N, C-alpha and C. Protein backbone atom coordinates (compact mmCIF):
# COMPACT_ATOMS: atom_id res chain seq x y z
N MET A 1 47.73 17.58 -77.21
CA MET A 1 47.54 18.51 -76.13
C MET A 1 46.28 18.12 -75.37
N ALA A 2 46.37 18.06 -74.06
CA ALA A 2 45.23 17.69 -73.22
C ALA A 2 44.38 18.91 -72.92
N ILE A 3 43.09 18.72 -72.88
CA ILE A 3 42.17 19.78 -72.51
C ILE A 3 41.94 19.69 -71.01
N THR A 4 42.15 20.79 -70.32
CA THR A 4 41.99 20.80 -68.87
C THR A 4 40.97 21.85 -68.47
N LYS A 5 40.43 21.71 -67.30
CA LYS A 5 39.46 22.65 -66.77
C LYS A 5 40.14 23.98 -66.48
N TYR A 6 39.53 25.06 -66.90
CA TYR A 6 40.06 26.39 -66.65
C TYR A 6 39.80 26.78 -65.21
N THR A 7 40.82 27.26 -64.52
CA THR A 7 40.69 27.73 -63.15
C THR A 7 41.01 29.21 -63.13
N LEU A 8 40.08 29.99 -62.62
CA LEU A 8 40.28 31.42 -62.52
C LEU A 8 41.41 31.70 -61.54
N ARG A 9 42.39 32.46 -61.95
CA ARG A 9 43.51 32.80 -61.07
C ARG A 9 43.12 34.00 -60.23
N ARG A 10 43.36 33.90 -58.95
CA ARG A 10 43.04 34.97 -58.03
C ARG A 10 44.31 35.40 -57.30
N PRO A 11 44.29 36.59 -56.70
CA PRO A 11 45.47 37.04 -55.94
C PRO A 11 45.81 36.04 -54.83
N ALA A 12 47.06 36.02 -54.44
CA ALA A 12 47.51 35.09 -53.41
C ALA A 12 46.76 35.27 -52.09
N PHE A 13 46.45 36.51 -51.72
CA PHE A 13 45.70 36.75 -50.50
C PHE A 13 44.44 37.53 -50.84
N SER A 14 43.33 36.99 -50.44
CA SER A 14 42.06 37.68 -50.65
C SER A 14 41.09 37.23 -49.59
N SER A 15 40.57 38.16 -48.84
CA SER A 15 39.60 37.78 -47.81
C SER A 15 38.34 37.21 -48.45
N TRP A 16 38.01 37.66 -49.68
CA TRP A 16 36.83 37.12 -50.37
C TRP A 16 37.06 35.67 -50.75
N ALA A 17 38.27 35.32 -51.16
CA ALA A 17 38.57 33.94 -51.52
C ALA A 17 38.41 33.03 -50.30
N ASP A 18 38.85 33.52 -49.14
CA ASP A 18 38.68 32.74 -47.91
C ASP A 18 37.20 32.53 -47.60
N MET A 19 36.41 33.59 -47.78
CA MET A 19 34.97 33.49 -47.53
C MET A 19 34.32 32.51 -48.51
N ASP A 20 34.77 32.52 -49.79
CA ASP A 20 34.24 31.59 -50.78
C ASP A 20 34.51 30.15 -50.37
N ARG A 21 35.75 29.89 -49.93
CA ARG A 21 36.10 28.52 -49.52
C ARG A 21 35.24 28.07 -48.34
N ILE A 22 35.08 28.93 -47.36
CA ILE A 22 34.27 28.58 -46.19
C ILE A 22 32.82 28.33 -46.60
N SER A 23 32.29 29.21 -47.45
CA SER A 23 30.91 29.07 -47.91
C SER A 23 30.72 27.77 -48.68
N ASN A 24 31.68 27.42 -49.55
CA ASN A 24 31.57 26.19 -50.33
C ASN A 24 31.64 24.95 -49.43
N ARG A 25 32.50 24.98 -48.44
CA ARG A 25 32.59 23.85 -47.51
C ARG A 25 31.29 23.69 -46.74
N PHE A 26 30.75 24.81 -46.27
CA PHE A 26 29.50 24.78 -45.52
C PHE A 26 28.35 24.26 -46.39
N ALA A 27 28.31 24.68 -47.65
CA ALA A 27 27.26 24.24 -48.57
C ALA A 27 27.34 22.74 -48.82
N ARG A 28 28.57 22.20 -48.91
CA ARG A 28 28.71 20.76 -49.15
C ARG A 28 28.16 19.93 -48.00
N ILE A 29 28.21 20.46 -46.79
CA ILE A 29 27.65 19.74 -45.64
C ILE A 29 26.16 19.48 -45.88
N PHE A 30 25.47 20.50 -46.39
CA PHE A 30 24.03 20.39 -46.58
C PHE A 30 23.65 19.71 -47.88
N ASP A 31 24.63 19.35 -48.71
CA ASP A 31 24.34 18.56 -49.90
C ASP A 31 24.04 17.12 -49.53
N ASP A 32 24.43 16.73 -48.34
CA ASP A 32 24.17 15.38 -47.86
C ASP A 32 22.67 15.23 -47.60
N PRO A 33 22.00 14.19 -48.18
CA PRO A 33 20.56 14.02 -47.99
C PRO A 33 20.14 13.92 -46.53
N VAL A 34 21.05 13.55 -45.62
CA VAL A 34 20.70 13.47 -44.21
C VAL A 34 20.34 14.85 -43.67
N PHE A 35 21.06 15.88 -44.14
CA PHE A 35 20.87 17.23 -43.62
C PHE A 35 19.87 18.05 -44.43
N GLY A 36 19.83 17.84 -45.73
CA GLY A 36 19.02 18.71 -46.57
C GLY A 36 18.13 17.92 -47.49
N VAL A 37 17.79 18.57 -48.59
CA VAL A 37 16.93 17.96 -49.59
C VAL A 37 17.75 16.95 -50.38
N ALA A 38 17.14 15.84 -50.73
CA ALA A 38 17.84 14.83 -51.51
C ALA A 38 18.24 15.41 -52.87
N PRO A 39 19.40 15.03 -53.42
CA PRO A 39 19.88 15.60 -54.66
C PRO A 39 18.88 15.52 -55.81
N LYS A 40 18.08 14.47 -55.89
CA LYS A 40 17.16 14.36 -57.01
C LYS A 40 16.06 15.42 -56.95
N GLU A 41 15.87 16.07 -55.82
CA GLU A 41 14.85 17.09 -55.71
C GLU A 41 15.41 18.48 -55.99
N ARG A 42 16.72 18.62 -56.16
CA ARG A 42 17.36 19.90 -56.44
C ARG A 42 17.97 19.84 -57.83
N TRP A 43 17.19 20.15 -58.81
CA TRP A 43 17.68 20.11 -60.18
C TRP A 43 17.49 21.48 -60.81
N SER A 44 18.51 21.97 -61.46
CA SER A 44 18.43 23.27 -62.11
C SER A 44 19.10 23.16 -63.47
N PRO A 45 18.37 23.49 -64.54
CA PRO A 45 18.95 23.35 -65.88
C PRO A 45 20.07 24.36 -66.13
N ALA A 46 21.03 23.95 -66.95
CA ALA A 46 22.12 24.84 -67.34
C ALA A 46 21.55 25.97 -68.19
N LEU A 47 22.11 27.16 -68.05
CA LEU A 47 21.56 28.35 -68.68
C LEU A 47 22.64 29.21 -69.29
N SER A 48 22.31 29.87 -70.40
CA SER A 48 23.17 30.88 -71.01
C SER A 48 22.32 32.11 -71.27
N VAL A 49 22.88 33.29 -71.02
CA VAL A 49 22.20 34.54 -71.34
C VAL A 49 23.20 35.38 -72.15
N SER A 50 22.77 35.81 -73.33
CA SER A 50 23.63 36.65 -74.17
C SER A 50 22.78 37.76 -74.77
N GLU A 51 23.43 38.72 -75.37
CA GLU A 51 22.70 39.80 -76.01
C GLU A 51 23.49 40.38 -77.17
N ASN A 52 22.78 41.02 -78.05
CA ASN A 52 23.40 41.82 -79.09
C ASN A 52 22.67 43.16 -79.11
N ASP A 53 22.84 43.95 -80.15
CA ASP A 53 22.21 45.27 -80.18
C ASP A 53 20.69 45.21 -80.22
N ASP A 54 20.14 44.10 -80.73
CA ASP A 54 18.70 44.02 -80.97
C ASP A 54 17.91 43.17 -79.98
N GLU A 55 18.58 42.24 -79.27
CA GLU A 55 17.82 41.30 -78.45
C GLU A 55 18.66 40.65 -77.37
N LEU A 56 17.94 40.08 -76.38
CA LEU A 56 18.53 39.19 -75.38
C LEU A 56 18.21 37.77 -75.82
N LEU A 57 19.09 36.84 -75.54
CA LEU A 57 18.84 35.44 -75.85
C LEU A 57 19.14 34.61 -74.62
N LEU A 58 18.12 33.89 -74.14
CA LEU A 58 18.29 32.97 -73.01
C LEU A 58 18.12 31.56 -73.56
N THR A 59 19.07 30.67 -73.24
CA THR A 59 18.94 29.27 -73.64
C THR A 59 19.12 28.39 -72.41
N LEU A 60 18.25 27.39 -72.31
CA LEU A 60 18.31 26.44 -71.20
C LEU A 60 18.39 25.04 -71.76
N GLU A 61 19.23 24.22 -71.14
CA GLU A 61 19.33 22.80 -71.51
C GLU A 61 18.29 22.03 -70.72
N LEU A 62 17.35 21.41 -71.42
CA LEU A 62 16.28 20.66 -70.77
C LEU A 62 16.16 19.26 -71.38
N PRO A 63 17.20 18.44 -71.27
CA PRO A 63 17.14 17.11 -71.87
C PRO A 63 16.10 16.24 -71.18
N GLY A 64 15.39 15.48 -71.98
CA GLY A 64 14.39 14.57 -71.43
C GLY A 64 13.05 15.21 -71.16
N LEU A 65 12.90 16.50 -71.41
CA LEU A 65 11.62 17.18 -71.21
C LEU A 65 10.96 17.44 -72.55
N GLY A 66 9.64 17.55 -72.51
CA GLY A 66 8.87 17.93 -73.69
C GLY A 66 8.28 19.30 -73.46
N GLU A 67 7.72 19.88 -74.50
CA GLU A 67 7.11 21.20 -74.38
C GLU A 67 6.03 21.23 -73.30
N GLU A 68 5.33 20.13 -73.14
CA GLU A 68 4.24 20.06 -72.16
C GLU A 68 4.76 20.06 -70.71
N ASP A 69 6.05 19.85 -70.52
CA ASP A 69 6.65 19.83 -69.17
C ASP A 69 7.16 21.19 -68.74
N ILE A 70 7.06 22.20 -69.61
CA ILE A 70 7.66 23.52 -69.37
C ILE A 70 6.58 24.59 -69.35
N THR A 71 6.69 25.53 -68.40
CA THR A 71 5.79 26.68 -68.34
C THR A 71 6.64 27.95 -68.34
N ILE A 72 6.26 28.92 -69.19
CA ILE A 72 6.97 30.19 -69.27
C ILE A 72 5.96 31.29 -68.97
N GLU A 73 6.28 32.14 -68.00
CA GLU A 73 5.39 33.22 -67.60
C GLU A 73 6.17 34.53 -67.55
N TYR A 74 5.48 35.64 -67.80
CA TYR A 74 6.09 36.96 -67.69
C TYR A 74 5.13 37.86 -66.94
N GLU A 75 5.58 38.38 -65.80
CA GLU A 75 4.73 39.25 -64.98
C GLU A 75 5.61 40.19 -64.17
N ASN A 76 5.25 41.48 -64.14
CA ASN A 76 5.98 42.50 -63.37
C ASN A 76 7.47 42.50 -63.67
N ASP A 77 7.82 42.47 -64.95
CA ASP A 77 9.21 42.50 -65.42
C ASP A 77 10.01 41.25 -65.05
N VAL A 78 9.34 40.19 -64.61
CA VAL A 78 10.04 38.95 -64.24
C VAL A 78 9.63 37.84 -65.21
N LEU A 79 10.64 37.25 -65.87
CA LEU A 79 10.42 36.10 -66.74
C LEU A 79 10.68 34.86 -65.90
N ARG A 80 9.69 33.97 -65.83
CA ARG A 80 9.80 32.78 -64.98
C ARG A 80 9.62 31.53 -65.83
N ILE A 81 10.56 30.60 -65.68
CA ILE A 81 10.53 29.33 -66.41
C ILE A 81 10.48 28.22 -65.37
N THR A 82 9.43 27.41 -65.43
CA THR A 82 9.29 26.31 -64.48
C THR A 82 9.03 25.02 -65.25
N GLY A 83 9.27 23.92 -64.58
CA GLY A 83 9.01 22.63 -65.20
C GLY A 83 9.37 21.50 -64.27
N GLU A 84 9.19 20.30 -64.78
CA GLU A 84 9.53 19.13 -63.98
C GLU A 84 10.06 18.03 -64.88
N LYS A 85 11.17 17.45 -64.45
CA LYS A 85 11.76 16.30 -65.13
C LYS A 85 11.45 15.09 -64.26
N LYS A 86 10.65 14.19 -64.81
CA LYS A 86 10.20 13.05 -64.03
C LYS A 86 11.17 11.88 -64.16
N GLU A 87 11.36 11.21 -63.04
CA GLU A 87 12.26 10.05 -63.01
C GLU A 87 11.63 8.89 -63.75
N GLU A 88 12.45 8.20 -64.53
CA GLU A 88 11.98 7.01 -65.23
C GLU A 88 11.95 5.87 -64.23
N VAL A 89 10.79 5.26 -64.08
CA VAL A 89 10.62 4.19 -63.10
C VAL A 89 10.76 2.85 -63.82
N SER A 90 11.58 1.96 -63.25
CA SER A 90 11.76 0.64 -63.87
C SER A 90 10.53 -0.23 -63.63
N GLN A 91 10.43 -1.25 -64.41
CA GLN A 91 9.29 -2.16 -64.34
C GLN A 91 9.22 -2.84 -62.97
N PRO A 92 8.01 -3.00 -62.44
CA PRO A 92 7.88 -3.70 -61.15
C PRO A 92 8.43 -5.12 -61.26
N GLY A 93 9.06 -5.54 -60.21
CA GLY A 93 9.58 -6.90 -60.17
C GLY A 93 11.03 -7.01 -60.65
N THR A 94 11.57 -5.94 -61.26
CA THR A 94 12.97 -6.01 -61.67
C THR A 94 13.84 -5.62 -60.49
N ASN A 95 14.93 -6.32 -60.36
CA ASN A 95 15.85 -6.08 -59.26
C ASN A 95 17.03 -5.28 -59.80
N ARG A 96 16.85 -3.98 -59.95
CA ARG A 96 17.89 -3.13 -60.52
C ARG A 96 18.79 -2.60 -59.42
N LYS A 97 20.08 -2.72 -59.64
CA LYS A 97 21.08 -2.25 -58.69
C LYS A 97 21.98 -1.25 -59.42
N TYR A 98 21.98 0.01 -58.96
CA TYR A 98 22.78 1.05 -59.61
C TYR A 98 24.19 1.06 -59.04
N HIS A 99 25.16 1.25 -59.94
CA HIS A 99 26.55 1.40 -59.54
C HIS A 99 26.96 2.87 -59.59
N VAL A 100 26.38 3.61 -60.53
CA VAL A 100 26.58 5.05 -60.65
C VAL A 100 25.22 5.65 -60.99
N TYR A 101 24.85 6.72 -60.30
CA TYR A 101 23.56 7.37 -60.57
C TYR A 101 23.76 8.87 -60.47
N GLU A 102 23.99 9.51 -61.63
CA GLU A 102 24.28 10.94 -61.66
C GLU A 102 23.15 11.76 -62.27
N ARG A 103 22.10 11.13 -62.71
CA ARG A 103 21.00 11.86 -63.35
C ARG A 103 20.18 12.59 -62.30
N ARG A 104 19.68 13.77 -62.67
CA ARG A 104 18.89 14.60 -61.75
C ARG A 104 17.45 14.68 -62.23
N TYR A 105 16.54 14.66 -61.28
CA TYR A 105 15.12 14.75 -61.56
C TYR A 105 14.48 15.73 -60.59
N GLY A 106 13.26 16.10 -60.90
CA GLY A 106 12.51 16.97 -60.02
C GLY A 106 12.09 18.24 -60.72
N SER A 107 11.47 19.11 -59.98
CA SER A 107 10.99 20.35 -60.55
C SER A 107 12.09 21.40 -60.49
N PHE A 108 11.99 22.39 -61.37
CA PHE A 108 12.93 23.50 -61.38
C PHE A 108 12.16 24.79 -61.54
N ASP A 109 12.79 25.88 -61.15
CA ASP A 109 12.18 27.20 -61.24
C ASP A 109 13.30 28.21 -61.44
N ARG A 110 13.34 28.84 -62.60
CA ARG A 110 14.35 29.87 -62.90
C ARG A 110 13.61 31.17 -63.18
N SER A 111 14.02 32.25 -62.53
CA SER A 111 13.38 33.55 -62.73
C SER A 111 14.43 34.60 -63.04
N PHE A 112 14.06 35.55 -63.90
CA PHE A 112 14.98 36.60 -64.32
C PHE A 112 14.23 37.92 -64.38
N ARG A 113 14.77 38.93 -63.74
CA ARG A 113 14.19 40.27 -63.85
C ARG A 113 14.77 40.89 -65.11
N LEU A 114 13.88 41.21 -66.06
CA LEU A 114 14.31 41.77 -67.32
C LEU A 114 14.36 43.29 -67.23
N PRO A 115 15.28 43.92 -67.92
CA PRO A 115 15.37 45.38 -67.88
C PRO A 115 14.18 46.02 -68.59
N ASN A 116 13.94 47.29 -68.31
CA ASN A 116 12.81 47.96 -68.94
C ASN A 116 13.11 48.36 -70.38
N THR A 117 14.26 47.94 -70.89
CA THR A 117 14.63 48.24 -72.27
C THR A 117 14.21 47.14 -73.24
N VAL A 118 13.44 46.15 -72.78
CA VAL A 118 13.01 45.06 -73.66
C VAL A 118 11.52 45.14 -73.93
N ASP A 119 11.12 44.52 -75.02
CA ASP A 119 9.72 44.45 -75.42
C ASP A 119 9.15 43.13 -74.91
N SER A 120 8.45 43.17 -73.78
CA SER A 120 7.93 41.94 -73.17
C SER A 120 6.85 41.28 -74.03
N ASN A 121 6.20 42.04 -74.89
CA ASN A 121 5.17 41.47 -75.77
C ASN A 121 5.78 40.72 -76.95
N GLY A 122 7.07 40.93 -77.21
CA GLY A 122 7.71 40.29 -78.35
C GLY A 122 8.52 39.06 -78.02
N VAL A 123 8.41 38.54 -76.79
CA VAL A 123 9.20 37.37 -76.39
C VAL A 123 8.78 36.17 -77.24
N VAL A 124 9.76 35.47 -77.80
CA VAL A 124 9.51 34.30 -78.63
C VAL A 124 10.24 33.11 -78.02
N ALA A 125 9.52 32.00 -77.83
CA ALA A 125 10.11 30.78 -77.27
C ALA A 125 10.16 29.70 -78.34
N ALA A 126 11.28 29.00 -78.40
CA ALA A 126 11.44 27.87 -79.30
C ALA A 126 12.04 26.72 -78.51
N PHE A 127 11.61 25.49 -78.82
CA PHE A 127 12.11 24.31 -78.12
C PHE A 127 12.47 23.25 -79.15
N GLU A 128 13.77 22.92 -79.19
CA GLU A 128 14.22 21.94 -80.17
C GLU A 128 15.37 21.12 -79.60
N LYS A 129 15.29 19.81 -79.70
CA LYS A 129 16.33 18.89 -79.25
C LYS A 129 16.75 19.14 -77.81
N GLY A 130 15.78 19.43 -76.93
CA GLY A 130 16.07 19.61 -75.51
C GLY A 130 16.64 20.97 -75.14
N ILE A 131 16.65 21.92 -76.08
CA ILE A 131 17.15 23.27 -75.81
C ILE A 131 15.98 24.25 -75.94
N LEU A 132 15.72 24.98 -74.85
CA LEU A 132 14.70 26.03 -74.86
C LEU A 132 15.41 27.35 -75.13
N SER A 133 14.98 28.05 -76.17
CA SER A 133 15.56 29.35 -76.53
C SER A 133 14.49 30.41 -76.40
N LEU A 134 14.79 31.45 -75.66
CA LEU A 134 13.88 32.58 -75.50
C LEU A 134 14.56 33.82 -76.07
N THR A 135 13.94 34.42 -77.07
CA THR A 135 14.46 35.63 -77.69
C THR A 135 13.61 36.79 -77.20
N VAL A 136 14.26 37.78 -76.60
CA VAL A 136 13.57 38.94 -76.04
C VAL A 136 14.08 40.18 -76.77
N PRO A 137 13.24 40.76 -77.66
CA PRO A 137 13.71 41.93 -78.41
C PRO A 137 13.85 43.17 -77.53
N LYS A 138 14.79 44.02 -77.90
CA LYS A 138 14.98 45.29 -77.20
C LYS A 138 14.09 46.34 -77.86
N LEU A 139 13.62 47.29 -77.08
CA LEU A 139 12.82 48.39 -77.61
C LEU A 139 13.72 49.32 -78.42
N ALA A 140 13.28 49.69 -79.61
CA ALA A 140 14.09 50.53 -80.49
C ALA A 140 14.44 51.86 -79.85
N GLU A 141 13.48 52.47 -79.17
CA GLU A 141 13.73 53.79 -78.60
C GLU A 141 14.62 53.75 -77.36
N LYS A 142 14.90 52.56 -76.82
CA LYS A 142 15.72 52.47 -75.62
C LYS A 142 17.04 51.75 -75.85
N LYS A 143 17.40 51.50 -77.09
CA LYS A 143 18.66 50.81 -77.40
C LYS A 143 19.86 51.69 -77.12
N GLY A 144 19.65 52.98 -77.15
CA GLY A 144 20.77 53.90 -76.96
C GLY A 144 21.25 54.39 -78.31
N ARG A 145 21.88 55.53 -78.30
CA ARG A 145 22.39 56.10 -79.54
C ARG A 145 23.57 56.99 -79.22
N LYS A 146 24.33 57.29 -80.22
CA LYS A 146 25.49 58.15 -80.07
C LYS A 146 25.03 59.59 -80.25
N ILE A 147 25.48 60.48 -79.38
CA ILE A 147 25.12 61.88 -79.45
C ILE A 147 26.32 62.66 -80.01
N GLU A 148 26.09 63.35 -81.07
CA GLU A 148 27.13 64.19 -81.67
C GLU A 148 27.19 65.52 -80.95
N ILE A 149 28.36 66.04 -80.80
CA ILE A 149 28.55 67.36 -80.18
C ILE A 149 28.29 68.42 -81.26
N SER A 150 27.38 69.34 -80.93
CA SER A 150 27.07 70.39 -81.92
C SER A 150 28.13 71.48 -81.86
N ARG A 151 28.38 72.08 -83.00
CA ARG A 151 29.43 73.10 -83.09
C ARG A 151 28.85 74.42 -83.45
């Protein structure tokens, strides 16, 4: 069995779908370095955000970066992760000719407004094998509870 890319099925007619197509076409025009920023300057790490009853978990893929290349800040309910992935420069005098070049470099900046139900003082960051994991605990008194009907 072949594995194929999942495509979200949408209704046959949708004005939003038409707007999405137009927006995507327009965005591709500006992906060209002639019109906009060169692709190597627009790099954004892949991200996952999940939660359970006790915490939020944010994970970012940061291959090729070290802990010293990443900055994590929290201010006014906004968690901000910044860093820079530097391009590997070949030795002077080598005549390197690329046939395919898909790697991305440059600085990145990801920001998230956290809900007031989390404990900002308890944020824990871990970095292992190019994966940055941020665990944000929820406040016990704001997790929510079930209310029983009194009789």
